Structure formats: structure tokens, C-alpha cells
N, C-alpha and C. Protein backbone atom coordinates (compact mmCIF):
# COMPACT_ATOMS: atom_id res chain seq x y z
N GLY A 1 10.17 -16.46 -10.37
CA GLY A 1 8.87 -15.83 -10.11
C GLY A 1 9.07 -14.38 -9.67
N ILE A 2 8.10 -13.59 -10.01
CA ILE A 2 8.16 -12.18 -9.59
C ILE A 2 6.90 -11.81 -8.80
N ILE A 3 7.00 -10.80 -7.99
CA ILE A 3 5.87 -10.35 -7.23
C ILE A 3 5.12 -9.32 -8.11
N PRO A 4 3.82 -9.46 -8.21
CA PRO A 4 3.09 -8.48 -9.01
C PRO A 4 3.09 -7.12 -8.37
N HIS A 5 2.69 -6.09 -9.15
CA HIS A 5 2.49 -4.77 -8.60
C HIS A 5 1.37 -4.90 -7.57
N ILE A 6 1.47 -4.13 -6.48
CA ILE A 6 0.45 -4.10 -5.43
C ILE A 6 -0.15 -2.70 -5.48
N MET A 7 -1.43 -2.62 -5.70
CA MET A 7 -2.09 -1.36 -5.89
C MET A 7 -3.29 -1.27 -4.96
N GLY A 8 -3.60 -0.07 -4.49
CA GLY A 8 -4.76 0.11 -3.67
C GLY A 8 -5.15 1.58 -3.58
N GLU A 9 -6.20 1.81 -2.82
CA GLU A 9 -6.73 3.16 -2.61
C GLU A 9 -7.08 3.32 -1.15
N VAL A 10 -6.77 4.53 -0.60
CA VAL A 10 -7.11 4.82 0.79
C VAL A 10 -7.82 6.13 0.85
N LEU A 11 -8.95 6.15 1.61
CA LEU A 11 -9.77 7.35 1.75
C LEU A 11 -10.23 7.50 3.21
N GLU A 12 -10.73 8.67 3.50
CA GLU A 12 -11.32 8.90 4.82
C GLU A 12 -12.68 8.27 4.86
N GLU A 13 -13.05 7.58 5.99
CA GLU A 13 -14.17 6.68 5.99
C GLU A 13 -15.53 7.35 5.92
N SER A 14 -15.71 8.57 6.50
CA SER A 14 -17.06 9.11 6.59
C SER A 14 -17.43 9.95 5.36
N THR A 15 -16.46 10.60 4.75
CA THR A 15 -16.75 11.45 3.59
C THR A 15 -16.18 10.87 2.29
N LEU A 16 -15.40 9.79 2.39
CA LEU A 16 -14.70 9.19 1.27
C LEU A 16 -13.81 10.22 0.56
N SER A 17 -13.21 11.10 1.36
CA SER A 17 -12.31 12.13 0.85
C SER A 17 -10.94 11.59 0.70
N ILE A 18 -10.20 12.21 -0.23
CA ILE A 18 -8.78 11.93 -0.42
C ILE A 18 -8.02 12.54 0.75
N VAL A 19 -7.06 11.82 1.27
CA VAL A 19 -6.24 12.33 2.40
C VAL A 19 -4.80 12.43 1.92
N PRO A 20 -4.27 13.65 1.82
CA PRO A 20 -2.89 13.80 1.50
C PRO A 20 -2.01 13.43 2.69
N ASP A 21 -0.76 13.10 2.39
CA ASP A 21 0.30 12.91 3.41
C ASP A 21 0.08 11.68 4.29
N ILE A 22 -0.61 10.66 3.79
CA ILE A 22 -0.64 9.36 4.52
C ILE A 22 0.66 8.66 4.17
N ARG A 23 1.33 8.17 5.20
CA ARG A 23 2.54 7.40 5.02
C ARG A 23 2.15 5.93 4.91
N ILE A 24 2.35 5.32 3.78
CA ILE A 24 1.94 3.92 3.53
C ILE A 24 3.23 3.11 3.37
N SER A 25 3.36 2.14 4.27
CA SER A 25 4.56 1.27 4.28
C SER A 25 4.19 -0.14 3.92
N LEU A 26 4.97 -0.76 3.07
CA LEU A 26 4.80 -2.19 2.70
C LEU A 26 5.88 -2.98 3.42
N LEU A 27 5.45 -3.85 4.33
CA LEU A 27 6.39 -4.64 5.12
C LEU A 27 6.39 -6.12 4.74
N TYR A 28 7.57 -6.70 4.79
CA TYR A 28 7.74 -8.14 4.62
C TYR A 28 8.59 -8.58 5.81
N ASN A 29 8.14 -9.59 6.56
CA ASN A 29 8.81 -9.98 7.79
C ASN A 29 9.09 -8.80 8.69
N ASN A 30 8.09 -7.90 8.83
CA ASN A 30 8.17 -6.74 9.73
C ASN A 30 9.19 -5.69 9.38
N ALA A 31 9.69 -5.75 8.16
CA ALA A 31 10.62 -4.71 7.69
C ALA A 31 10.20 -4.19 6.35
N PRO A 32 10.49 -2.92 6.03
CA PRO A 32 10.13 -2.38 4.74
C PRO A 32 10.75 -3.19 3.60
N VAL A 33 9.96 -3.43 2.58
CA VAL A 33 10.43 -4.24 1.46
C VAL A 33 11.17 -3.37 0.50
N SER A 34 12.21 -3.94 -0.13
CA SER A 34 12.89 -3.23 -1.25
C SER A 34 11.96 -3.20 -2.45
N MET A 35 12.07 -2.17 -3.27
CA MET A 35 11.31 -2.04 -4.47
C MET A 35 12.18 -2.49 -5.64
N VAL A 36 11.55 -2.78 -6.80
CA VAL A 36 12.27 -3.28 -7.93
C VAL A 36 13.34 -2.32 -8.39
N ASP A 37 13.07 -1.02 -8.33
CA ASP A 37 14.16 -0.02 -8.56
C ASP A 37 13.93 1.18 -7.70
N SER A 38 14.92 2.07 -7.70
CA SER A 38 14.97 3.16 -6.76
C SER A 38 13.91 4.25 -7.02
N ASN A 39 13.24 4.21 -8.17
CA ASN A 39 12.16 5.18 -8.47
C ASN A 39 10.93 4.90 -7.68
N TRP A 40 10.79 3.69 -7.16
CA TRP A 40 9.62 3.30 -6.37
C TRP A 40 9.87 3.62 -4.89
N GLU A 41 8.93 4.26 -4.21
CA GLU A 41 9.08 4.67 -2.86
C GLU A 41 8.44 3.67 -1.90
N ASN A 42 9.11 3.38 -0.80
CA ASN A 42 8.54 2.62 0.32
C ASN A 42 9.22 3.14 1.59
N PRO A 43 8.54 3.90 2.42
CA PRO A 43 7.14 4.17 2.36
C PRO A 43 6.75 5.16 1.26
N TYR A 44 5.45 5.09 0.89
CA TYR A 44 4.91 5.96 -0.12
C TYR A 44 4.04 7.00 0.61
N ILE A 45 4.14 8.26 0.19
CA ILE A 45 3.32 9.32 0.81
C ILE A 45 2.24 9.75 -0.20
N THR A 46 0.96 9.70 0.22
CA THR A 46 -0.12 10.10 -0.67
C THR A 46 -0.10 11.62 -0.86
N ARG A 47 -0.56 12.00 -2.05
CA ARG A 47 -0.70 13.40 -2.39
C ARG A 47 -2.10 13.60 -3.05
N ASN A 48 -2.60 14.84 -3.04
CA ASN A 48 -3.86 15.06 -3.65
C ASN A 48 -3.88 14.59 -5.12
N ALA A 49 -2.76 14.79 -5.81
CA ALA A 49 -2.71 14.44 -7.24
C ALA A 49 -2.88 12.94 -7.50
N THR A 50 -2.51 12.12 -6.52
CA THR A 50 -2.61 10.69 -6.75
C THR A 50 -4.00 10.16 -6.35
N ARG A 51 -4.83 11.04 -5.85
CA ARG A 51 -6.26 10.75 -5.61
C ARG A 51 -6.48 9.54 -4.70
N GLY A 52 -5.57 9.35 -3.72
CA GLY A 52 -5.74 8.30 -2.74
C GLY A 52 -5.20 6.94 -3.18
N TYR A 53 -4.69 6.88 -4.40
CA TYR A 53 -4.12 5.60 -4.84
C TYR A 53 -2.65 5.48 -4.46
N TYR A 54 -2.25 4.24 -4.23
CA TYR A 54 -0.84 3.95 -4.02
C TYR A 54 -0.44 2.72 -4.79
N HIS A 55 0.85 2.49 -4.94
CA HIS A 55 1.34 1.51 -5.88
C HIS A 55 2.72 1.06 -5.45
N PHE A 56 2.91 -0.19 -5.17
CA PHE A 56 4.22 -0.77 -4.82
C PHE A 56 4.59 -1.83 -5.85
N TRP A 57 5.88 -1.95 -6.10
CA TRP A 57 6.40 -3.12 -6.89
C TRP A 57 7.55 -3.70 -6.13
N PRO A 58 7.21 -4.66 -5.20
CA PRO A 58 8.23 -5.17 -4.30
C PRO A 58 9.19 -6.14 -4.97
N TYR A 59 10.41 -6.17 -4.42
CA TYR A 59 11.41 -7.10 -4.88
C TYR A 59 11.74 -7.99 -3.70
N ILE A 60 11.55 -9.29 -3.87
CA ILE A 60 11.92 -10.26 -2.82
C ILE A 60 13.13 -11.03 -3.33
N ASN A 61 14.19 -10.96 -2.55
CA ASN A 61 15.41 -11.69 -2.99
C ASN A 61 15.20 -13.19 -2.83
N GLY A 62 15.61 -13.91 -3.79
CA GLY A 62 15.46 -15.39 -3.75
C GLY A 62 15.11 -15.89 -5.15
N ASP A 63 15.64 -17.03 -5.48
CA ASP A 63 15.32 -17.58 -6.80
C ASP A 63 13.90 -18.07 -6.83
N SER A 64 13.36 -18.30 -8.02
CA SER A 64 11.95 -18.65 -8.14
C SER A 64 11.63 -20.00 -7.58
N GLU A 65 12.63 -20.86 -7.46
CA GLU A 65 12.40 -22.17 -6.90
C GLU A 65 12.23 -22.06 -5.38
N GLY A 66 13.00 -21.19 -4.76
CA GLY A 66 13.05 -21.11 -3.32
C GLY A 66 11.89 -20.32 -2.70
N ILE A 67 11.21 -19.57 -3.54
CA ILE A 67 10.15 -18.69 -3.01
C ILE A 67 8.82 -19.45 -3.00
N ALA A 68 8.01 -19.19 -2.00
CA ALA A 68 6.71 -19.86 -1.91
C ALA A 68 5.79 -19.42 -3.06
N ASP A 69 4.62 -20.05 -3.15
CA ASP A 69 3.64 -19.69 -4.17
C ASP A 69 3.00 -18.36 -3.87
N SER A 70 3.05 -17.95 -2.63
CA SER A 70 2.51 -16.65 -2.29
C SER A 70 3.37 -16.02 -1.18
N VAL A 71 3.30 -14.71 -1.10
CA VAL A 71 4.11 -13.98 -0.12
C VAL A 71 3.20 -13.12 0.70
N LYS A 72 3.42 -13.13 2.02
CA LYS A 72 2.59 -12.34 2.94
C LYS A 72 3.26 -11.02 3.22
N PHE A 73 2.46 -9.96 3.10
CA PHE A 73 2.93 -8.61 3.36
C PHE A 73 1.98 -7.98 4.39
N THR A 74 2.46 -6.91 5.07
CA THR A 74 1.64 -6.08 5.86
C THR A 74 1.73 -4.64 5.31
N ILE A 75 0.59 -3.99 5.18
CA ILE A 75 0.56 -2.60 4.75
C ILE A 75 0.12 -1.77 5.96
N ILE A 76 0.91 -0.74 6.28
CA ILE A 76 0.60 0.14 7.42
C ILE A 76 0.29 1.54 6.88
N PHE A 77 -0.80 2.07 7.36
CA PHE A 77 -1.24 3.42 6.98
C PHE A 77 -1.10 4.32 8.17
N GLU A 78 -0.27 5.37 8.09
CA GLU A 78 -0.03 6.28 9.22
C GLU A 78 -0.25 7.73 8.81
N HIS A 79 -0.92 8.48 9.68
CA HIS A 79 -1.15 9.91 9.49
C HIS A 79 -1.41 10.49 10.85
N PRO A 80 -0.91 11.70 11.13
CA PRO A 80 -1.07 12.25 12.52
C PRO A 80 -2.53 12.44 12.93
N ASP A 81 -3.45 12.64 11.98
CA ASP A 81 -4.86 12.87 12.32
C ASP A 81 -5.73 11.63 12.30
N PHE A 82 -5.11 10.50 11.93
CA PHE A 82 -5.92 9.28 11.76
C PHE A 82 -5.41 8.13 12.67
N GLU A 83 -6.30 7.25 12.97
CA GLU A 83 -5.86 6.03 13.67
C GLU A 83 -5.07 5.17 12.72
N GLU A 84 -3.94 4.63 13.22
CA GLU A 84 -3.14 3.71 12.40
C GLU A 84 -3.96 2.50 11.91
N ARG A 85 -3.71 2.11 10.74
CA ARG A 85 -4.43 0.94 10.19
C ARG A 85 -3.38 -0.02 9.64
N LYS A 86 -3.56 -1.28 9.93
CA LYS A 86 -2.66 -2.33 9.39
C LYS A 86 -3.49 -3.32 8.63
N ILE A 87 -3.04 -3.74 7.45
CA ILE A 87 -3.74 -4.75 6.66
C ILE A 87 -2.73 -5.81 6.27
N ASP A 88 -3.16 -7.07 6.43
CA ASP A 88 -2.29 -8.17 5.98
C ASP A 88 -2.83 -8.66 4.63
N ILE A 89 -1.89 -8.84 3.66
CA ILE A 89 -2.30 -9.34 2.37
C ILE A 89 -1.41 -10.54 2.02
N GLU A 90 -1.91 -11.36 1.15
CA GLU A 90 -1.12 -12.50 0.61
C GLU A 90 -1.18 -12.42 -0.87
N VAL A 91 0.00 -12.27 -1.47
CA VAL A 91 0.08 -12.02 -2.94
C VAL A 91 0.66 -13.28 -3.59
N ALA A 92 -0.03 -13.76 -4.62
CA ALA A 92 0.47 -14.89 -5.38
C ALA A 92 1.70 -14.51 -6.20
N VAL A 93 2.70 -15.35 -6.19
CA VAL A 93 3.88 -15.08 -6.98
C VAL A 93 3.56 -15.39 -8.44
N ASN A 94 4.01 -14.54 -9.30
CA ASN A 94 3.77 -14.64 -10.73
C ASN A 94 4.89 -15.47 -11.37
N ARG A 95 4.63 -16.74 -11.61
CA ARG A 95 5.69 -17.61 -12.11
C ARG A 95 5.89 -17.47 -13.61
N LYS A 96 4.91 -16.99 -14.32
CA LYS A 96 5.02 -16.90 -15.79
C LYS A 96 5.62 -15.59 -16.23
N LYS A 97 5.98 -14.73 -15.25
CA LYS A 97 6.56 -13.42 -15.56
C LYS A 97 5.61 -12.61 -16.44
N ASP A 98 4.33 -12.77 -16.19
CA ASP A 98 3.30 -12.04 -16.94
C ASP A 98 3.19 -10.66 -16.34
N MET A 99 3.66 -9.64 -17.09
CA MET A 99 3.75 -8.27 -16.53
C MET A 99 2.36 -7.64 -16.33
N GLY A 100 1.33 -8.21 -16.90
CA GLY A 100 -0.02 -7.62 -16.77
C GLY A 100 -0.73 -7.96 -15.48
N LYS A 101 -0.15 -8.83 -14.66
CA LYS A 101 -0.83 -9.23 -13.43
C LYS A 101 -0.54 -8.22 -12.33
N ASN A 102 -1.59 -7.78 -11.64
CA ASN A 102 -1.46 -6.87 -10.52
C ASN A 102 -2.24 -7.43 -9.36
N PHE A 103 -1.86 -7.04 -8.17
CA PHE A 103 -2.64 -7.41 -6.96
C PHE A 103 -3.36 -6.18 -6.47
N HIS A 104 -4.67 -6.22 -6.40
CA HIS A 104 -5.47 -5.08 -5.96
C HIS A 104 -5.90 -5.26 -4.49
N VAL A 105 -5.45 -4.33 -3.66
CA VAL A 105 -5.87 -4.33 -2.25
C VAL A 105 -7.27 -3.76 -2.16
N PRO A 106 -8.19 -4.38 -1.42
CA PRO A 106 -9.50 -3.73 -1.26
C PRO A 106 -9.39 -2.31 -0.71
N LEU A 107 -10.35 -1.47 -1.04
CA LEU A 107 -10.37 -0.07 -0.58
C LEU A 107 -10.14 -0.03 0.95
N THR A 108 -9.24 0.84 1.38
CA THR A 108 -8.94 1.02 2.80
C THR A 108 -9.56 2.35 3.23
N LEU A 109 -10.30 2.29 4.35
CA LEU A 109 -10.91 3.51 4.88
C LEU A 109 -10.24 3.83 6.23
N LEU A 110 -9.80 5.06 6.40
CA LEU A 110 -9.17 5.46 7.66
C LEU A 110 -10.14 6.24 8.54
N LYS A 111 -10.01 6.07 9.80
CA LYS A 111 -10.86 6.69 10.81
C LYS A 111 -10.09 7.86 11.44
N LEU A 112 -10.72 9.05 11.45
CA LEU A 112 -10.11 10.21 12.15
C LEU A 112 -9.98 9.93 13.64
N LYS A 113 -8.89 10.42 14.21
CA LYS A 113 -8.74 10.33 15.65
C LYS A 113 -9.81 11.21 16.32
N PRO A 114 -10.25 10.83 17.53
CA PRO A 114 -11.25 11.66 18.22
C PRO A 114 -10.82 13.10 18.31
N GLY A 115 -11.78 14.01 18.05
CA GLY A 115 -11.48 15.43 18.13
C GLY A 115 -10.85 16.04 16.87
N LYS A 116 -10.56 15.21 15.87
CA LYS A 116 -9.95 15.75 14.66
C LYS A 116 -11.07 16.06 13.66
N SER A 117 -10.97 17.16 12.97
CA SER A 117 -12.00 17.59 12.02
C SER A 117 -11.61 17.15 10.62
N PRO A 118 -12.58 16.71 9.83
CA PRO A 118 -12.30 16.31 8.48
C PRO A 118 -12.19 17.53 7.48
N GLU A 119 -12.26 18.73 8.02
CA GLU A 119 -12.36 19.91 7.13
C GLU A 119 -11.10 20.10 6.27
N PHE A 120 -9.97 19.59 6.69
CA PHE A 120 -8.74 19.80 5.96
C PHE A 120 -8.64 18.90 4.71
N LEU A 121 -9.60 17.92 4.64
CA LEU A 121 -9.47 16.92 3.56
C LEU A 121 -9.78 17.52 2.21
N CYS A 122 -9.26 16.90 1.23
CA CYS A 122 -9.45 17.35 -0.16
C CYS A 122 -10.86 17.05 -0.62
N GLN A 123 -11.59 18.11 -0.93
CA GLN A 123 -12.99 17.94 -1.44
C GLN A 123 -12.99 18.22 -2.93
N ASP A 124 -13.74 17.50 -3.68
CA ASP A 124 -13.83 17.78 -5.11
C ASP A 124 -14.84 18.90 -5.39
């Protein structure tokens, strides 16, 4: 079994603006997960060009018999101007090795810390 790609989008909650430089970490058992290959970053840092989207392809060591039907992950969103946000997700293991299956995380909205201005955010 393989873990599908995990994809999502993160924006600022009041203006729905793109926020560059959010550090997004995908954790398994409270530790950063290895990616399928070294071109994939964990943690991932958002940039204006990626428009708030992030994408992980985790690798969980273990044969397909020994792994559960689903795997629980935690996603942590960190940025100096925003309150930290944690989301728990449960991703079904893809037993058919169907490369077209992805796991979509619901839109995540981050809250500015008190006293921080949204003026630095990317506006279209």
C-alpha cells in the first residue's frame, strides 16, 4: 500500500489572502514524515508563486500487510505573524497503487496574531 499525495491550501482568514513563508510540517507519530524522495520538502514553506497551496507525498516504512487501512497525520502551520494551527487528518492507504488518488485537506484559514497587520499579505 502507498500513501496518497496530501494536498491543501492555506490562506489568511479575513481577506483570504495568500501568505508567503508559512512553515507547514507533516507529522507522523509527532515527528516529521519522510517524503517519497528528496525533491519533496517537509517542512514545506509557502511562496507567493504557489498561491497558498502545499503538497506532500509521505513515505511510511512498512510492508503493505503491516500498515493499517488508514494513517493519522498532523499538519502544523507556523508563521511569526499568525497563531499556530494544527490539523489532524486520517488518510486512507492506497492498496491498489492507483497513482491518481490524492487526499485533499479542507481549506485552512490562519488567524493573525493580535496587533499584526494584514497589509504585508499578497493581494491580487
